[in-house]
């Protein structure tokens, strides 16, 4: 019985990283909270848009990726990082009004956001910085 379990357990351990990998591959890039003595993100909103228009949220800093969500004008967001070319920003946004996204406390080291809210990347021009 032990000889049977060893290959199964080994296969499970080898396969586990493959399940988590898509978040970091194919252009996917989680939003990172940067270590500092202040809040890791700044507060902003989605800028004024044409009527009945939304902006796309991407899983990484590229419009070539498939959108994972849409945001409407005046949606509150937390701006946490900027892409290398400064064209996109990594944001965190609540699924419902009043949800605590847990980004108001400094972090000791850079860490990917895995909090209760949604996150992704949008074009920097579509976000207005309000505070931070």
C-alpha atoms as a PDB file:
ATOM      1  CA  UNK A   1       0.000   0.000   0.000  1.00  0.00           C
ATOM      2  CA  UNK A   2       2.814   2.452   0.822  1.00  0.00           C
ATOM      3  CA  UNK A   3       4.424   1.798  -2.590  1.00  0.00           C
ATOM      4  CA  UNK A   4       1.101   2.727  -4.217  1.00  0.00           C
ATOM      5  CA  UNK A   5       0.761   5.991  -2.272  1.00  0.00           C
ATOM      6  CA  UNK A   6       4.261   7.284  -3.024  1.00  0.00           C
ATOM      7  CA  UNK A   7       3.706   7.679  -6.811  1.00  0.00           C
ATOM      8  CA  UNK A   8       0.268   9.220  -6.221  1.00  0.00           C
ATOM      9  CA  UNK A   9       1.603  11.694  -3.658  1.00  0.00           C
ATOM     10  CA  UNK A  10       4.594  12.526  -5.868  1.00  0.00           C
ATOM     11  CA  UNK A  11       2.325  13.107  -8.867  1.00  0.00           C
ATOM     12  CA  UNK A  12       0.100  15.352  -6.778  1.00  0.00           C
ATOM     13  CA  UNK A  13       3.033  17.472  -5.635  1.00  0.00           C
ATOM     14  CA  UNK A  14       4.391  17.779  -9.162  1.00  0.00           C
ATOM     15  CA  UNK A  15       0.988  18.688 -10.629  1.00  0.00           C
ATOM     16  CA  UNK A  16       0.131  21.291  -7.978  1.00  0.00           C
ATOM     17  CA  UNK A  17       2.346  24.082  -9.414  1.00  0.00           C
ATOM     18  CA  UNK A  18       0.764  23.586 -12.838  1.00  0.00           C
ATOM     19  CA  UNK A  19      -2.625  24.544 -11.444  1.00  0.00           C
ATOM     20  CA  UNK A  20      -1.345  27.823  -9.963  1.00  0.00           C
ATOM     21  CA  UNK A  21       0.896  28.722 -12.884  1.00  0.00           C
ATOM     22  CA  UNK A  22      -1.698  30.342 -15.234  1.00  0.00           C
ATOM     23  CA  UNK A  23      -1.936  33.344 -12.911  1.00  0.00           C
ATOM     24  CA  UNK A  24       1.709  34.119 -13.770  1.00  0.00           C
ATOM     25  CA  UNK A  25       1.914  32.945 -17.370  1.00  0.00           C
ATOM     26  CA  UNK A  26       0.568  34.011 -20.722  1.00  0.00           C
ATOM     27  CA  UNK A  27       0.865  37.677 -19.774  1.00  0.00           C
ATOM     28  CA  UNK A  28      -1.095  37.341 -16.531  1.00  0.00           C
ATOM     29  CA  UNK A  29       0.442  39.506 -13.837  1.00  0.00           C
ATOM     30  CA  UNK A  30      -1.053  39.921 -10.378  1.00  0.00           C
ATOM     31  CA  UNK A  31      -1.250  43.405  -8.894  1.00  0.00           C
ATOM     32  CA  UNK A  32       1.558  43.941  -6.395  1.00  0.00           C
ATOM     33  CA  UNK A  33       1.317  45.852  -3.126  1.00  0.00           C
ATOM     34  CA  UNK A  34       4.628  47.684  -2.614  1.00  0.00           C
ATOM     35  CA  UNK A  35       6.373  47.792   0.725  1.00  0.00           C
ATOM     36  CA  UNK A  36       6.469  51.276   2.253  1.00  0.00           C
ATOM     37  CA  UNK A  37       5.668  53.136   5.434  1.00  0.00           C
ATOM     38  CA  UNK A  38       2.424  54.405   3.901  1.00  0.00           C
ATOM     39  CA  UNK A  39      -0.582  52.732   2.307  1.00  0.00           C
ATOM     40  CA  UNK A  40       0.493  50.496  -0.586  1.00  0.00           C
ATOM     41  CA  UNK A  41      -2.146  51.928  -2.949  1.00  0.00           C
ATOM     42  CA  UNK A  42      -3.659  55.296  -3.864  1.00  0.00           C
ATOM     43  CA  UNK A  43      -7.362  56.035  -4.208  1.00  0.00           C
ATOM     44  CA  UNK A  44      -8.921  56.938  -7.544  1.00  0.00           C
ATOM     45  CA  UNK A  45     -11.952  56.576  -9.796  1.00  0.00           C
ATOM     46  CA  UNK A  46     -12.642  55.577 -13.370  1.00  0.00           C
ATOM     47  CA  UNK A  47     -12.791  58.787 -15.439  1.00  0.00           C
ATOM     48  CA  UNK A  48     -15.817  60.160 -17.267  1.00  0.00           C
ATOM     49  CA  UNK A  49     -16.789  57.887 -20.130  1.00  0.00           C
ATOM     50  CA  UNK A  50     -19.212  58.115 -23.026  1.00  0.00           C
ATOM     51  CA  UNK A  51     -22.773  57.084 -22.090  1.00  0.00           C
ATOM     52  CA  UNK A  52     -23.236  53.339 -21.607  1.00  0.00           C
ATOM     53  CA  UNK A  53     -19.497  52.740 -22.004  1.00  0.00           C
ATOM     54  CA  UNK A  54     -17.210  50.720 -19.766  1.00  0.00           C
ATOM     55  CA  UNK A  55     -13.473  50.107 -19.651  1.00  0.00           C
ATOM     56  CA  UNK A  56     -11.890  46.693 -19.785  1.00  0.00           C
ATOM     57  CA  UNK A  57      -9.911  45.168 -16.920  1.00  0.00           C
ATOM     58  CA  UNK A  58      -7.097  42.822 -17.952  1.00  0.00           C
ATOM     59  CA  UNK A  59      -5.259  40.079 -16.012  1.00  0.00           C
ATOM     60  CA  UNK A  60      -1.900  41.665 -16.885  1.00  0.00           C
ATOM     61  CA  UNK A  61      -0.401  44.899 -18.194  1.00  0.00           C
ATOM     62  CA  UNK A  62      -1.458  44.387 -21.819  1.00  0.00           C
ATOM     63  CA  UNK A  63      -4.584  45.097 -23.856  1.00  0.00           C
ATOM     64  CA  UNK A  64      -3.725  42.037 -25.949  1.00  0.00           C
ATOM     65  CA  UNK A  65      -4.981  39.785 -23.134  1.00  0.00           C
ATOM     66  CA  UNK A  66      -8.630  38.780 -22.811  1.00  0.00           C
ATOM     67  CA  UNK A  67     -10.543  41.153 -20.541  1.00  0.00           C
ATOM     68  CA  UNK A  68     -11.573  39.701 -17.193  1.00  0.00           C
ATOM     69  CA  UNK A  69     -14.004  42.422 -16.126  1.00  0.00           C
ATOM     70  CA  UNK A  70     -15.549  45.763 -17.088  1.00  0.00           C
ATOM     71  CA  UNK A  71     -15.778  48.926 -14.981  1.00  0.00           C
ATOM     72  CA  UNK A  72     -18.138  51.868 -15.351  1.00  0.00           C
ATOM     73  CA  UNK A  73     -17.501  55.570 -14.940  1.00  0.00           C
ATOM     74  CA  UNK A  74     -16.929  56.764 -11.346  1.00  0.00           C
ATOM     75  CA  UNK A  75     -16.143  53.249 -10.060  1.00  0.00           C
ATOM     76  CA  UNK A  76     -13.812  53.644  -7.066  1.00  0.00           C
ATOM     77  CA  UNK A  77     -10.447  51.881  -7.434  1.00  0.00           C
ATOM     78  CA  UNK A  78      -7.187  51.527  -5.549  1.00  0.00           C
ATOM     79  CA  UNK A  79      -4.178  52.231  -7.796  1.00  0.00           C
ATOM     80  CA  UNK A  80      -1.316  50.031  -6.647  1.00  0.00           C
ATOM     81  CA  UNK A  81       1.296  49.920  -9.393  1.00  0.00           C
ATOM     82  CA  UNK A  82       2.218  51.173 -12.845  1.00  0.00           C
ATOM     83  CA  UNK A  83       3.397  49.112 -15.805  1.00  0.00           C
ATOM     84  CA  UNK A  84       6.986  49.521 -16.996  1.00  0.00           C
ATOM     85  CA  UNK A  85       5.846  51.648 -19.953  1.00  0.00           C
ATOM     86  CA  UNK A  86       3.489  53.641 -17.659  1.00  0.00           C
ATOM     87  CA  UNK A  87       0.549  52.988 -20.007  1.00  0.00           C
ATOM     88  CA  UNK A  88      -1.365  50.753 -17.591  1.00  0.00           C
ATOM     89  CA  UNK A  89      -2.016  50.671 -13.856  1.00  0.00           C
ATOM     90  CA  UNK A  90      -2.622  47.739 -11.553  1.00  0.00           C
ATOM     91  CA  UNK A  91      -5.841  48.339  -9.633  1.00  0.00           C
ATOM     92  CA  UNK A  92      -7.955  46.765  -6.927  1.00  0.00           C
ATOM     93  CA  UNK A  93     -11.706  47.302  -6.901  1.00  0.00           C
ATOM     94  CA  UNK A  94     -14.603  46.201  -4.739  1.00  0.00           C
ATOM     95  CA  UNK A  95     -17.285  43.818  -5.950  1.00  0.00           C
ATOM     96  CA  UNK A  96     -19.901  45.742  -3.983  1.00  0.00           C
ATOM     97  CA  UNK A  97     -20.145  49.181  -2.383  1.00  0.00           C
ATOM     98  CA  UNK A  98     -18.548  49.343   1.057  1.00  0.00           C
ATOM     99  CA  UNK A  99     -16.392  46.223   0.660  1.00  0.00           C
ATOM    100  CA  UNK A 100     -13.069  46.548   2.517  1.00  0.00           C
ATOM    101  CA  UNK A 101     -10.281  45.677   0.081  1.00  0.00           C
ATOM    102  CA  UNK A 102      -7.697  45.599   2.879  1.00  0.00           C
ATOM    103  CA  UNK A 103      -5.192  47.933   1.187  1.00  0.00           C
ATOM    104  CA  UNK A 104      -5.177  50.712   3.795  1.00  0.00           C
ATOM    105  CA  UNK A 105      -2.343  49.297   5.879  1.00  0.00           C
ATOM    106  CA  UNK A 106       1.358  49.377   4.937  1.00  0.00           C
ATOM    107  CA  UNK A 107       2.952  46.065   3.965  1.00  0.00           C
ATOM    108  CA  UNK A 108       6.410  44.983   5.147  1.00  0.00           C
ATOM    109  CA  UNK A 109       7.493  43.540   1.787  1.00  0.00           C
ATOM    110  CA  UNK A 110       6.265  43.593  -1.797  1.00  0.00           C
ATOM    111  CA  UNK A 111       3.461  41.070  -2.108  1.00  0.00           C
ATOM    112  CA  UNK A 112       0.916  40.048  -4.733  1.00  0.00           C
ATOM    113  CA  UNK A 113      -2.627  41.056  -3.835  1.00  0.00           C
ATOM    114  CA  UNK A 114      -4.839  38.124  -2.866  1.00  0.00           C
ATOM    115  CA  UNK A 115      -7.361  40.063  -0.763  1.00  0.00           C
ATOM    116  CA  UNK A 116     -11.142  39.939  -0.836  1.00  0.00           C
ATOM    117  CA  UNK A 117     -11.603  42.361  -3.758  1.00  0.00           C
ATOM    118  CA  UNK A 118     -11.013  41.988  -7.480  1.00  0.00           C
ATOM    119  CA  UNK A 119      -7.835  43.179  -9.166  1.00  0.00           C
ATOM    120  CA  UNK A 120      -6.446  43.681 -12.639  1.00  0.00           C
ATOM    121  CA  UNK A 121      -4.940  46.167 -15.062  1.00  0.00           C
ATOM    122  CA  UNK A 122      -6.530  49.119 -16.891  1.00  0.00           C
ATOM    123  CA  UNK A 123      -5.236  51.885 -19.121  1.00  0.00           C
ATOM    124  CA  UNK A 124      -3.709  54.640 -16.964  1.00  0.00           C
ATOM    125  CA  UNK A 125      -5.613  57.315 -18.898  1.00  0.00           C
ATOM    126  CA  UNK A 126      -8.904  55.810 -17.677  1.00  0.00           C
ATOM    127  CA  UNK A 127      -8.162  56.408 -13.985  1.00  0.00           C
ATOM    128  CA  UNK A 128      -8.142  59.684 -12.074  1.00  0.00           C
ATOM    129  CA  UNK A 129      -6.030  59.812  -8.924  1.00  0.00           C
ATOM    130  CA  UNK A 130      -7.950  61.378  -6.002  1.00  0.00           C
ATOM    131  CA  UNK A 131      -5.733  60.725  -2.971  1.00  0.00           C
ATOM    132  CA  UNK A 132      -2.422  59.134  -2.113  1.00  0.00           C
END
